[in-house]
């Protein structure tokens, strides 16, 4: 039990702190205004249901965002090891960027970046 005493103490303190925050929120809560407590649109009356479907034009934009997000996901570790690995890592990264660029050019040609 000795090596885990500190971990258990931190865990107990975290649970007590979260419980205290919830208790203070419960005690100090006032009757909520139904319009101000809406989960979206900054308290304005919603024009559509919160679970309504997205328009199909959002999906290509989302895929482009994910492509660039994955690009950054791979570029950060690559930047750490590129000096150690050498020219091979640079060539591999440019091939990867070329594939992404081909995808962006294709999406642009297909009109995915045209909003209206």
PDB file of N, CA and C in Angstrom:
ATOM      1  N   UNK A   1       0.833  -1.196   0.000  1.00  0.00           N
ATOM      2  CA  UNK A   1       0.000   0.000   0.000  1.00  0.00           C
ATOM      3  C   UNK A   1       0.869   1.247   0.000  1.00  0.00           C
ATOM      4  N   UNK A   2       2.081   1.166   0.470  1.00  0.00           N
ATOM      5  CA  UNK A   2       2.966   2.322   0.576  1.00  0.00           C
ATOM      6  C   UNK A   2       3.203   3.040  -0.742  1.00  0.00           C
ATOM      7  N   UNK A   3       3.548   2.337  -1.837  1.00  0.00           N
ATOM      8  CA  UNK A   3       3.820   3.050  -3.083  1.00  0.00           C
ATOM      9  C   UNK A   3       2.580   3.699  -3.694  1.00  0.00           C
ATOM     10  N   UNK A   4       1.408   3.183  -3.363  1.00  0.00           N
ATOM     11  CA  UNK A   4       0.183   3.710  -3.955  1.00  0.00           C
ATOM     12  C   UNK A   4      -0.530   4.717  -3.061  1.00  0.00           C
ATOM     13  N   UNK A   5       0.025   5.022  -1.895  1.00  0.00           N
ATOM     14  CA  UNK A   5      -0.644   5.942  -0.967  1.00  0.00           C
ATOM     15  C   UNK A   5      -0.757   7.335  -1.577  1.00  0.00           C
ATOM     16  N   UNK A   6       0.277   7.813  -2.233  1.00  0.00           N
ATOM     17  CA  UNK A   6       0.228   9.137  -2.851  1.00  0.00           C
ATOM     18  C   UNK A   6      -0.798   9.204  -3.978  1.00  0.00           C
ATOM     19  N   UNK A   7      -0.836   8.158  -4.796  1.00  0.00           N
ATOM     20  CA  UNK A   7      -1.795   8.103  -5.896  1.00  0.00           C
ATOM     21  C   UNK A   7      -3.224   8.078  -5.369  1.00  0.00           C
ATOM     22  N   UNK A   8      -3.460   7.277  -4.343  1.00  0.00           N
ATOM     23  CA  UNK A   8      -4.798   7.226  -3.759  1.00  0.00           C
ATOM     24  C   UNK A   8      -5.179   8.552  -3.111  1.00  0.00           C
ATOM     25  N   UNK A   9      -4.218   9.226  -2.508  1.00  0.00           N
ATOM     26  CA  UNK A   9      -4.488  10.538  -1.921  1.00  0.00           C
ATOM     27  C   UNK A   9      -4.874  11.561  -2.976  1.00  0.00           C
ATOM     28  N   UNK A  10      -4.163  11.576  -4.094  1.00  0.00           N
ATOM     29  CA  UNK A  10      -4.494  12.509  -5.174  1.00  0.00           C
ATOM     30  C   UNK A  10      -5.859  12.163  -5.760  1.00  0.00           C
ATOM     31  N   UNK A  11      -6.143  10.883  -5.938  1.00  0.00           N
ATOM     32  CA  UNK A  11      -7.440  10.467  -6.457  1.00  0.00           C
ATOM     33  C   UNK A  11      -8.567  10.870  -5.516  1.00  0.00           C
ATOM     34  N   UNK A  12      -8.379  10.677  -4.211  1.00  0.00           N
ATOM     35  CA  UNK A  12      -9.395  11.064  -3.234  1.00  0.00           C
ATOM     36  C   UNK A  12      -9.595  12.578  -3.221  1.00  0.00           C
ATOM     37  N   UNK A  13      -8.499  13.338  -3.324  1.00  0.00           N
ATOM     38  CA  UNK A  13      -8.618  14.793  -3.360  1.00  0.00           C
ATOM     39  C   UNK A  13      -9.359  15.252  -4.606  1.00  0.00           C
ATOM     40  N   UNK A  14      -9.103  14.615  -5.742  1.00  0.00           N
ATOM     41  CA  UNK A  14      -9.790  14.985  -6.979  1.00  0.00           C
ATOM     42  C   UNK A  14     -11.283  14.692  -6.884  1.00  0.00           C
ATOM     43  N   UNK A  15     -11.632  13.530  -6.338  1.00  0.00           N
ATOM     44  CA  UNK A  15     -13.044  13.177  -6.198  1.00  0.00           C
ATOM     45  C   UNK A  15     -13.738  14.138  -5.237  1.00  0.00           C
ATOM     46  N   UNK A  16     -13.092  14.479  -4.138  1.00  0.00           N
ATOM     47  CA  UNK A  16     -13.683  15.430  -3.187  1.00  0.00           C
ATOM     48  C   UNK A  16     -13.830  16.812  -3.806  1.00  0.00           C
ATOM     49  N   UNK A  17     -12.859  17.257  -4.568  1.00  0.00           N
ATOM     50  CA  UNK A  17     -12.925  18.571  -5.196  1.00  0.00           C
ATOM     51  C   UNK A  17     -14.058  18.627  -6.222  1.00  0.00           C
ATOM     52  N   UNK A  18     -14.196  17.594  -7.038  1.00  0.00           N
ATOM     53  CA  UNK A  18     -15.279  17.564  -8.021  1.00  0.00           C
ATOM     54  C   UNK A  18     -16.631  17.525  -7.308  1.00  0.00           C
ATOM     55  N   UNK A  19     -16.735  16.733  -6.272  1.00  0.00           N
ATOM     56  CA  UNK A  19     -17.974  16.690  -5.500  1.00  0.00           C
ATOM     57  C   UNK A  19     -18.305  18.035  -4.868  1.00  0.00           C
ATOM     58  N   UNK A  20     -17.287  18.737  -4.361  1.00  0.00           N
ATOM     59  CA  UNK A  20     -17.508  20.056  -3.763  1.00  0.00           C
ATOM     60  C   UNK A  20     -17.973  21.057  -4.809  1.00  0.00           C
ATOM     61  N   UNK A  21     -17.405  21.011  -5.994  1.00  0.00           N
ATOM     62  CA  UNK A  21     -17.824  21.926  -7.058  1.00  0.00           C
ATOM     63  C   UNK A  21     -19.276  21.656  -7.440  1.00  0.00           C
ATOM     64  N   UNK A  22     -19.658  20.387  -7.578  1.00  0.00           N
ATOM     65  CA  UNK A  22     -21.046  20.062  -7.890  1.00  0.00           C
ATOM     66  C   UNK A  22     -21.983  20.496  -6.773  1.00  0.00           C
ATOM     67  N   UNK A  23     -21.566  20.340  -5.514  1.00  0.00           N
ATOM     68  CA  UNK A  23     -22.406  20.751  -4.390  1.00  0.00           C
ATOM     69  C   UNK A  23     -22.599  22.260  -4.373  1.00  0.00           C
ATOM     70  N   UNK A  24     -21.548  23.014  -4.606  1.00  0.00           N
ATOM     71  CA  UNK A  24     -21.658  24.478  -4.640  1.00  0.00           C
ATOM     72  C   UNK A  24     -22.560  24.908  -5.795  1.00  0.00           C
ATOM     73  N   UNK A  25     -22.422  24.260  -6.939  1.00  0.00           N
ATOM     74  CA  UNK A  25     -23.280  24.600  -8.077  1.00  0.00           C
ATOM     75  C   UNK A  25     -24.736  24.288  -7.772  1.00  0.00           C
ATOM     76  N   UNK A  26     -24.997  23.205  -7.098  1.00  0.00           N
ATOM     77  CA  UNK A  26     -26.372  22.818  -6.762  1.00  0.00           C
ATOM     78  C   UNK A  26     -26.974  23.805  -5.760  1.00  0.00           C
ATOM     79  N   UNK A  27     -26.191  24.210  -4.761  1.00  0.00           N
ATOM     80  CA  UNK A  27     -26.700  25.101  -3.718  1.00  0.00           C
ATOM     81  C   UNK A  27     -26.904  26.511  -4.263  1.00  0.00           C
ATOM     82  N   UNK A  28     -26.018  26.979  -5.104  1.00  0.00           N
ATOM     83  CA  UNK A  28     -26.088  28.361  -5.569  1.00  0.00           C
ATOM     84  C   UNK A  28     -26.889  28.533  -6.855  1.00  0.00           C
ATOM     85  N   UNK A  29     -27.498  27.482  -7.360  1.00  0.00           N
ATOM     86  CA  UNK A  29     -28.238  27.573  -8.612  1.00  0.00           C
ATOM     87  C   UNK A  29     -29.520  28.364  -8.419  1.00  0.00           C
ATOM     88  N   UNK A  30     -29.842  29.156  -9.421  1.00  0.00           N
ATOM     89  CA  UNK A  30     -31.104  29.887  -9.433  1.00  0.00           C
ATOM     90  C   UNK A  30     -31.988  29.253 -10.507  1.00  0.00           C
ATOM     91  N   UNK A  31     -33.260  29.608 -10.484  1.00  0.00           N
ATOM     92  CA  UNK A  31     -34.172  29.052 -11.484  1.00  0.00           C
ATOM     93  C   UNK A  31     -33.717  29.524 -12.868  1.00  0.00           C
ATOM     94  N   UNK A  32     -33.416  28.594 -13.766  1.00  0.00           N
ATOM     95  CA  UNK A  32     -32.881  28.995 -15.075  1.00  0.00           C
ATOM     96  C   UNK A  32     -33.956  29.589 -15.976  1.00  0.00           C
ATOM     97  N   UNK A  33     -33.536  30.558 -16.754  1.00  0.00           N
ATOM     98  CA  UNK A  33     -34.405  31.111 -17.781  1.00  0.00           C
ATOM     99  C   UNK A  33     -34.424  30.122 -18.935  1.00  0.00           C
ATOM    100  N   UNK A  34     -35.577  29.648 -19.366  1.00  0.00           N
ATOM    101  CA  UNK A  34     -35.592  28.588 -20.382  1.00  0.00           C
ATOM    102  C   UNK A  34     -34.948  29.008 -21.705  1.00  0.00           C
ATOM    103  N   UNK A  35     -35.054  30.282 -22.071  1.00  0.00           N
ATOM    104  CA  UNK A  35     -34.447  30.715 -23.327  1.00  0.00           C
ATOM    105  C   UNK A  35     -32.931  30.819 -23.179  1.00  0.00           C
ATOM    106  N   UNK A  36     -32.452  31.319 -22.051  1.00  0.00           N
ATOM    107  CA  UNK A  36     -31.017  31.506 -21.856  1.00  0.00           C
ATOM    108  C   UNK A  36     -30.281  30.194 -21.652  1.00  0.00           C
ATOM    109  N   UNK A  37     -30.994  29.143 -21.290  1.00  0.00           N
ATOM    110  CA  UNK A  37     -30.340  27.864 -21.051  1.00  0.00           C
ATOM    111  C   UNK A  37     -30.339  26.962 -22.278  1.00  0.00           C
ATOM    112  N   UNK A  38     -30.714  27.490 -23.424  1.00  0.00           N
ATOM    113  CA  UNK A  38     -30.662  26.690 -24.640  1.00  0.00           C
ATOM    114  C   UNK A  38     -29.216  26.340 -24.975  1.00  0.00           C
ATOM    115  N   UNK A  39     -28.968  25.160 -25.519  1.00  0.00           N
ATOM    116  CA  UNK A  39     -27.597  24.711 -25.713  1.00  0.00           C
ATOM    117  C   UNK A  39     -26.896  25.298 -26.929  1.00  0.00           C
ATOM    118  N   UNK A  40     -27.583  26.072 -27.756  1.00  0.00           N
ATOM    119  CA  UNK A  40     -26.931  26.617 -28.929  1.00  0.00           C
ATOM    120  C   UNK A  40     -27.570  27.944 -29.300  1.00  0.00           C
ATOM    121  N   UNK A  41     -26.966  28.652 -30.216  1.00  0.00           N
ATOM    122  CA  UNK A  41     -27.434  29.923 -30.745  1.00  0.00           C
ATOM    123  C   UNK A  41     -27.431  31.037 -29.708  1.00  0.00           C
ATOM    124  N   UNK A  42     -26.605  30.955 -28.705  1.00  0.00           N
ATOM    125  CA  UNK A  42     -26.401  32.026 -27.723  1.00  0.00           C
ATOM    126  C   UNK A  42     -27.691  32.505 -27.074  1.00  0.00           C
ATOM    127  N   UNK A  43     -28.608  31.603 -26.832  1.00  0.00           N
ATOM    128  CA  UNK A  43     -29.842  31.955 -26.163  1.00  0.00           C
ATOM    129  C   UNK A  43     -30.950  32.400 -27.085  1.00  0.00           C
ATOM    130  N   UNK A  44     -30.701  32.468 -28.381  1.00  0.00           N
ATOM    131  CA  UNK A  44     -31.761  32.827 -29.316  1.00  0.00           C
ATOM    132  C   UNK A  44     -32.652  31.615 -29.567  1.00  0.00           C
ATOM    133  N   UNK A  45     -33.890  31.889 -29.950  1.00  0.00           N
ATOM    134  CA  UNK A  45     -34.788  30.790 -30.272  1.00  0.00           C
ATOM    135  C   UNK A  45     -34.262  30.033 -31.482  1.00  0.00           C
ATOM    136  N   UNK A  46     -34.226  28.716 -31.416  1.00  0.00           N
ATOM    137  CA  UNK A  46     -33.683  27.945 -32.543  1.00  0.00           C
ATOM    138  C   UNK A  46     -34.617  27.972 -33.743  1.00  0.00           C
ATOM    139  N   UNK A  47     -34.024  27.988 -34.931  1.00  0.00           N
ATOM    140  CA  UNK A  47     -34.807  27.952 -36.164  1.00  0.00           C
ATOM    141  C   UNK A  47     -35.049  26.519 -36.614  1.00  0.00           C
ATOM    142  N   UNK A  48     -34.234  25.593 -36.148  1.00  0.00           N
ATOM    143  CA  UNK A  48     -34.374  24.192 -36.513  1.00  0.00           C
ATOM    144  C   UNK A  48     -34.013  23.333 -35.314  1.00  0.00           C
ATOM    145  N   UNK A  49     -34.312  22.076 -35.388  1.00  0.00           N
ATOM    146  CA  UNK A  49     -34.026  21.153 -34.295  1.00  0.00           C
ATOM    147  C   UNK A  49     -32.519  20.937 -34.173  1.00  0.00           C
ATOM    148  N   UNK A  50     -32.044  20.741 -32.971  1.00  0.00           N
ATOM    149  CA  UNK A  50     -30.608  20.577 -32.740  1.00  0.00           C
ATOM    150  C   UNK A  50     -30.054  19.321 -33.391  1.00  0.00           C
ATOM    151  N   UNK A  51     -30.870  18.316 -33.620  1.00  0.00           N
ATOM    152  CA  UNK A  51     -30.420  17.078 -34.229  1.00  0.00           C
ATOM    153  C   UNK A  51     -30.766  17.008 -35.712  1.00  0.00           C
ATOM    154  N   UNK A  52     -31.002  18.156 -36.339  1.00  0.00           N
ATOM    155  CA  UNK A  52     -31.334  18.145 -37.755  1.00  0.00           C
ATOM    156  C   UNK A  52     -30.117  17.742 -38.580  1.00  0.00           C
ATOM    157  N   UNK A  53     -30.360  17.324 -39.799  1.00  0.00           N
ATOM    158  CA  UNK A  53     -29.290  16.846 -40.659  1.00  0.00           C
ATOM    159  C   UNK A  53     -28.506  18.020 -41.226  1.00  0.00           C
ATOM    160  N   UNK A  54     -27.213  17.772 -41.457  1.00  0.00           N
ATOM    161  CA  UNK A  54     -26.379  18.775 -42.096  1.00  0.00           C
ATOM    162  C   UNK A  54     -26.563  18.701 -43.608  1.00  0.00           C
ATOM    163  N   UNK A  55     -26.373  19.829 -44.250  1.00  0.00           N
ATOM    164  CA  UNK A  55     -26.457  19.845 -45.705  1.00  0.00           C
ATOM    165  C   UNK A  55     -25.275  19.065 -46.276  1.00  0.00           C
ATOM    166  N   UNK A  56     -25.474  18.467 -47.433  1.00  0.00           N
ATOM    167  CA  UNK A  56     -24.471  17.596 -48.022  1.00  0.00           C
ATOM    168  C   UNK A  56     -23.192  18.361 -48.375  1.00  0.00           C
ATOM    169  N   UNK A  57     -23.262  19.668 -48.562  1.00  0.00           N
ATOM    170  CA  UNK A  57     -22.056  20.421 -48.924  1.00  0.00           C
ATOM    171  C   UNK A  57     -21.040  20.495 -47.784  1.00  0.00           C
ATOM    172  N   UNK A  58     -21.448  20.163 -46.561  1.00  0.00           N
ATOM    173  CA  UNK A  58     -20.498  20.177 -45.448  1.00  0.00           C
ATOM    174  C   UNK A  58     -19.542  18.990 -45.490  1.00  0.00           C
ATOM    175  N   UNK A  59     -19.923  17.889 -46.083  1.00  0.00           N
ATOM    176  CA  UNK A  59     -19.109  16.683 -46.025  1.00  0.00           C
ATOM    177  C   UNK A  59     -17.778  16.809 -46.763  1.00  0.00           C
ATOM    178  N   UNK A  60     -17.708  17.369 -47.971  1.00  0.00           N
ATOM    179  CA  UNK A  60     -16.386  17.540 -48.588  1.00  0.00           C
ATOM    180  C   UNK A  60     -15.482  18.475 -47.799  1.00  0.00           C
ATOM    181  N   UNK A  61     -16.064  19.526 -47.227  1.00  0.00           N
ATOM    182  CA  UNK A  61     -15.267  20.440 -46.411  1.00  0.00           C
ATOM    183  C   UNK A  61     -14.738  19.710 -45.188  1.00  0.00           C
ATOM    184  N   UNK A  62     -15.559  18.872 -44.595  1.00  0.00           N
ATOM    185  CA  UNK A  62     -15.132  18.094 -43.437  1.00  0.00           C
ATOM    186  C   UNK A  62     -14.004  17.137 -43.802  1.00  0.00           C
ATOM    187  N   UNK A  63     -14.108  16.497 -44.953  1.00  0.00           N
ATOM    188  CA  UNK A  63     -13.054  15.576 -45.372  1.00  0.00           C
ATOM    189  C   UNK A  63     -11.741  16.314 -45.643  1.00  0.00           C
ATOM    190  N   UNK A  64     -11.828  17.499 -46.226  1.00  0.00           N
ATOM    191  CA  UNK A  64     -10.603  18.287 -46.429  1.00  0.00           C
ATOM    192  C   UNK A  64      -9.987  18.689 -45.092  1.00  0.00           C
ATOM    193  N   UNK A  65     -10.828  19.090 -44.143  1.00  0.00           N
ATOM    194  CA  UNK A  65     -10.309  19.428 -42.817  1.00  0.00           C
ATOM    195  C   UNK A  65      -9.619  18.228 -42.183  1.00  0.00           C
ATOM    196  N   UNK A  66     -10.230  17.061 -42.281  1.00  0.00           N
ATOM    197  CA  UNK A  66      -9.616  15.868 -41.698  1.00  0.00           C
ATOM    198  C   UNK A  66      -8.305  15.521 -42.391  1.00  0.00           C
ATOM    199  N   UNK A  67      -8.222  15.736 -43.712  1.00  0.00           N
ATOM    200  CA  UNK A  67      -6.979  15.461 -44.423  1.00  0.00           C
ATOM    201  C   UNK A  67      -5.863  16.358 -43.900  1.00  0.00           C
ATOM    202  N   UNK A  68      -6.141  17.633 -43.721  1.00  0.00           N
ATOM    203  CA  UNK A  68      -5.108  18.532 -43.223  1.00  0.00           C
ATOM    204  C   UNK A  68      -4.820  18.297 -41.745  1.00  0.00           C
ATOM    205  N   UNK A  69      -5.813  17.858 -41.003  1.00  0.00           N
ATOM    206  CA  UNK A  69      -5.598  17.527 -39.601  1.00  0.00           C
ATOM    207  C   UNK A  69      -4.674  16.320 -39.477  1.00  0.00           C
ATOM    208  N   UNK A  70      -4.899  15.308 -40.308  1.00  0.00           N
ATOM    209  CA  UNK A  70      -4.035  14.126 -40.297  1.00  0.00           C
ATOM    210  C   UNK A  70      -2.638  14.496 -40.782  1.00  0.00           C
ATOM    211  N   UNK A  71      -2.561  15.428 -41.712  1.00  0.00           N
ATOM    212  CA  UNK A  71      -1.246  15.892 -42.169  1.00  0.00           C
ATOM    213  C   UNK A  71      -0.448  16.459 -40.999  1.00  0.00           C
ATOM    214  N   UNK A  72      -1.064  17.297 -40.200  1.00  0.00           N
ATOM    215  CA  UNK A  72      -0.366  17.866 -39.049  1.00  0.00           C
ATOM    216  C   UNK A  72      -0.029  16.789 -38.018  1.00  0.00           C
ATOM    217  N   UNK A  73      -0.905  15.810 -37.891  1.00  0.00           N
ATOM    218  CA  UNK A  73      -0.660  14.716 -36.973  1.00  0.00           C
ATOM    219  C   UNK A  73       0.613  13.963 -37.336  1.00  0.00           C
ATOM    220  N   UNK A  74       0.875  13.804 -38.637  1.00  0.00           N
ATOM    221  CA  UNK A  74       2.074  13.108 -39.079  1.00  0.00           C
ATOM    222  C   UNK A  74       3.299  14.013 -39.157  1.00  0.00           C
ATOM    223  N   UNK A  75       3.094  15.311 -39.336  1.00  0.00           N
ATOM    224  CA  UNK A  75       4.244  16.200 -39.507  1.00  0.00           C
ATOM    225  C   UNK A  75       4.959  16.511 -38.192  1.00  0.00           C
ATOM    226  N   UNK A  76       4.260  16.531 -37.074  1.00  0.00           N
ATOM    227  CA  UNK A  76       4.925  16.831 -35.808  1.00  0.00           C
ATOM    228  C   UNK A  76       5.948  15.761 -35.424  1.00  0.00           C
ATOM    229  N   UNK A  77       5.607  14.473 -35.413  1.00  0.00           N
ATOM    230  CA  UNK A  77       6.646  13.483 -35.106  1.00  0.00           C
ATOM    231  C   UNK A  77       7.726  13.432 -36.182  1.00  0.00           C
ATOM    232  N   UNK A  78       7.350  13.691 -37.420  1.00  0.00           N
ATOM    233  CA  UNK A  78       8.335  13.707 -38.505  1.00  0.00           C
ATOM    234  C   UNK A  78       9.369  14.801 -38.265  1.00  0.00           C
ATOM    235  N   UNK A  79       8.922  15.961 -37.788  1.00  0.00           N
ATOM    236  CA  UNK A  79       9.849  17.065 -37.538  1.00  0.00           C
ATOM    237  C   UNK A  79      10.846  16.716 -36.445  1.00  0.00           C
ATOM    238  N   UNK A  80      10.476  15.834 -35.545  1.00  0.00           N
ATOM    239  CA  UNK A  80      11.394  15.450 -34.462  1.00  0.00           C
ATOM    240  C   UNK A  80      12.491  14.529 -34.982  1.00  0.00           C
ATOM    241  N   UNK A  81      12.172  13.638 -35.921  1.00  0.00           N
ATOM    242  CA  UNK A  81      13.141  12.627 -36.347  1.00  0.00           C
ATOM    243  C   UNK A  81      13.774  12.905 -37.702  1.00  0.00           C
ATOM    244  N   UNK A  82      13.400  13.980 -38.384  1.00  0.00           N
ATOM    245  CA  UNK A  82      13.900  14.205 -39.735  1.00  0.00           C
ATOM    246  C   UNK A  82      15.412  14.402 -39.755  1.00  0.00           C
ATOM    247  N   UNK A  83      15.985  15.038 -38.766  1.00  0.00           N
ATOM    248  CA  UNK A  83      17.434  15.257 -38.748  1.00  0.00           C
ATOM    249  C   UNK A  83      18.180  13.939 -38.550  1.00  0.00           C
ATOM    250  N   UNK A  84      17.595  13.038 -37.800  1.00  0.00           N
ATOM    251  CA  UNK A  84      18.236  11.758 -37.543  1.00  0.00           C
ATOM    252  C   UNK A  84      18.115  10.809 -38.734  1.00  0.00           C
ATOM    253  N   UNK A  85      16.956  10.804 -39.377  1.00  0.00           N
ATOM    254  CA  UNK A  85      16.711   9.862 -40.471  1.00  0.00           C
ATOM    255  C   UNK A  85      17.368  10.339 -41.757  1.00  0.00           C
ATOM    256  N   UNK A  86      17.264  11.622 -42.044  1.00  0.00           N
ATOM    257  CA  UNK A  86      17.949  12.170 -43.205  1.00  0.00           C
ATOM    258  C   UNK A  86      17.057  12.390 -44.408  1.00  0.00           C
ATOM    259  N   UNK A  87      17.657  12.242 -45.584  1.00  0.00           N
ATOM    260  CA  UNK A  87      16.994  12.569 -46.841  1.00  0.00           C
ATOM    261  C   UNK A  87      15.779  11.670 -47.083  1.00  0.00           C
ATOM    262  N   UNK A  88      15.831  10.439 -46.664  1.00  0.00           N
ATOM    263  CA  UNK A  88      14.710   9.528 -46.864  1.00  0.00           C
ATOM    264  C   UNK A  88      13.429  10.044 -46.226  1.00  0.00           C
ATOM    265  N   UNK A  89      13.543  10.631 -45.053  1.00  0.00           N
ATOM    266  CA  UNK A  89      12.367  11.171 -44.373  1.00  0.00           C
ATOM    267  C   UNK A  89      11.804  12.365 -45.123  1.00  0.00           C
ATOM    268  N   UNK A  90      12.683  13.182 -45.693  1.00  0.00           N
ATOM    269  CA  UNK A  90      12.225  14.342 -46.451  1.00  0.00           C
ATOM    270  C   UNK A  90      11.483  13.891 -47.708  1.00  0.00           C
ATOM    271  N   UNK A  91      12.028  12.891 -48.397  1.00  0.00           N
ATOM    272  CA  UNK A  91      11.382  12.378 -49.605  1.00  0.00           C
ATOM    273  C   UNK A  91      10.019  11.782 -49.261  1.00  0.00           C
ATOM    274  N   UNK A  92       9.947  11.011 -48.180  1.00  0.00           N
ATOM    275  CA  UNK A  92       8.674  10.418 -47.783  1.00  0.00           C
ATOM    276  C   UNK A  92       7.642  11.483 -47.441  1.00  0.00           C
ATOM    277  N   UNK A  93       8.068  12.560 -46.777  1.00  0.00           N
ATOM    278  CA  UNK A  93       7.120  13.615 -46.429  1.00  0.00           C
ATOM    279  C   UNK A  93       6.622  14.335 -47.673  1.00  0.00           C
ATOM    280  N   UNK A  94       7.496  14.554 -48.657  1.00  0.00           N
ATOM    281  CA  UNK A  94       7.045  15.216 -49.875  1.00  0.00           C
ATOM    282  C   UNK A  94       6.121  14.315 -50.687  1.00  0.00           C
ATOM    283  N   UNK A  95       6.325  13.010 -50.647  1.00  0.00           N
ATOM    284  CA  UNK A  95       5.380  12.092 -51.301  1.00  0.00           C
ATOM    285  C   UNK A  95       4.025  12.172 -50.597  1.00  0.00           C
ATOM    286  N   UNK A  96       4.028  12.187 -49.279  1.00  0.00           N
ATOM    287  CA  UNK A  96       2.799  12.296 -48.498  1.00  0.00           C
ATOM    288  C   UNK A  96       2.084  13.606 -48.808  1.00  0.00           C
ATOM    289  N   UNK A  97       2.828  14.710 -48.839  1.00  0.00           N
ATOM    290  CA  UNK A  97       2.226  16.002 -49.157  1.00  0.00           C
ATOM    291  C   UNK A  97       1.719  16.036 -50.598  1.00  0.00           C
ATOM    292  N   UNK A  98       2.404  15.346 -51.504  1.00  0.00           N
ATOM    293  CA  UNK A  98       1.941  15.274 -52.879  1.00  0.00           C
ATOM    294  C   UNK A  98       0.609  14.555 -53.000  1.00  0.00           C
ATOM    295  N   UNK A  99       0.441  13.475 -52.247  1.00  0.00           N
ATOM    296  CA  UNK A  99      -0.836  12.761 -52.248  1.00  0.00           C
ATOM    297  C   UNK A  99      -1.943  13.661 -51.708  1.00  0.00           C
ATOM    298  N   UNK A 100      -1.659  14.389 -50.629  1.00  0.00           N
ATOM    299  CA  UNK A 100      -2.657  15.310 -50.090  1.00  0.00           C
ATOM    300  C   UNK A 100      -2.965  16.432 -51.071  1.00  0.00           C
ATOM    301  N   UNK A 101      -1.940  16.953 -51.737  1.00  0.00           N
ATOM    302  CA  UNK A 101      -2.155  18.002 -52.723  1.00  0.00           C
ATOM    303  C   UNK A 101      -2.997  17.491 -53.887  1.00  0.00           C
ATOM    304  N   UNK A 102      -2.771  16.264 -54.308  1.00  0.00           N
ATOM    305  CA  UNK A 102      -3.594  15.683 -55.375  1.00  0.00           C
ATOM    306  C   UNK A 102      -5.052  15.601 -54.931  1.00  0.00           C
ATOM    307  N   UNK A 103      -5.279  15.255 -53.674  1.00  0.00           N
ATOM    308  CA  UNK A 103      -6.650  15.213 -53.157  1.00  0.00           C
ATOM    309  C   UNK A 103      -7.291  16.588 -53.112  1.00  0.00           C
ATOM    310  N   UNK A 104      -6.538  17.599 -52.746  1.00  0.00           N
ATOM    311  CA  UNK A 104      -7.068  18.963 -52.694  1.00  0.00           C
ATOM    312  C   UNK A 104      -7.364  19.468 -54.103  1.00  0.00           C
ATOM    313  N   UNK A 105      -6.469  19.194 -55.052  1.00  0.00           N
ATOM    314  CA  UNK A 105      -6.706  19.608 -56.439  1.00  0.00           C
ATOM    315  C   UNK A 105      -7.944  18.915 -56.988  1.00  0.00           C
ATOM    316  N   UNK A 106      -8.110  17.640 -56.704  1.00  0.00           N
ATOM    317  CA  UNK A 106      -9.296  16.913 -57.151  1.00  0.00           C
ATOM    318  C   UNK A 106     -10.564  17.520 -56.538  1.00  0.00           C
ATOM    319  N   UNK A 107     -10.523  17.814 -55.215  1.00  0.00           N
ATOM    320  CA  UNK A 107     -11.690  18.400 -54.555  1.00  0.00           C
ATOM    321  C   UNK A 107     -11.994  19.779 -55.124  1.00  0.00           C
ATOM    322  N   UNK A 108     -10.964  20.541 -55.419  1.00  0.00           N
ATOM    323  CA  UNK A 108     -11.151  21.865 -55.993  1.00  0.00           C
ATOM    324  C   UNK A 108     -11.786  21.741 -57.387  1.00  0.00           C
ATOM    325  N   UNK A 109     -11.281  20.803 -58.175  1.00  0.00           N
ATOM    326  CA  UNK A 109     -11.803  20.601 -59.521  1.00  0.00           C
ATOM    327  C   UNK A 109     -13.266  20.133 -59.486  1.00  0.00           C
ATOM    328  N   UNK A 110     -13.613  19.329 -58.493  1.00  0.00           N
ATOM    329  CA  UNK A 110     -14.977  18.828 -58.381  1.00  0.00           C
ATOM    330  C   UNK A 110     -15.932  19.868 -57.779  1.00  0.00           C
ATOM    331  N   UNK A 111     -15.403  20.981 -57.300  1.00  0.00           N
ATOM    332  CA  UNK A 111     -16.244  22.036 -56.760  1.00  0.00           C
ATOM    333  C   UNK A 111     -16.527  21.913 -55.282  1.00  0.00           C
ATOM    334  N   UNK A 112     -15.738  21.138 -54.550  1.00  0.00           N
ATOM    335  CA  UNK A 112     -15.975  20.961 -53.118  1.00  0.00           C
ATOM    336  C   UNK A 112     -15.689  22.233 -52.348  1.00  0.00           C
ATOM    337  N   UNK A 113     -14.853  23.111 -52.869  1.00  0.00           N
ATOM    338  CA  UNK A 113     -14.525  24.336 -52.172  1.00  0.00           C
ATOM    339  C   UNK A 113     -15.438  25.495 -52.583  1.00  0.00           C
ATOM    340  N   UNK A 114     -16.296  25.281 -53.566  1.00  0.00           N
ATOM    341  CA  UNK A 114     -17.262  26.279 -53.984  1.00  0.00           C
ATOM    342  C   UNK A 114     -18.469  26.179 -53.061  1.00  0.00           C
ATOM    343  N   UNK A 115     -18.790  27.225 -52.346  1.00  0.00           N
ATOM    344  CA  UNK A 115     -19.824  27.126 -51.322  1.00  0.00           C
ATOM    345  C   UNK A 115     -21.223  27.255 -51.906  1.00  0.00           C
ATOM    346  N   UNK A 116     -21.429  28.133 -52.854  1.00  0.00           N
ATOM    347  CA  UNK A 116     -22.774  28.350 -53.382  1.00  0.00           C
ATOM    348  C   UNK A 116     -22.812  27.976 -54.841  1.00  0.00           C
TER     349      UNK A 116
END
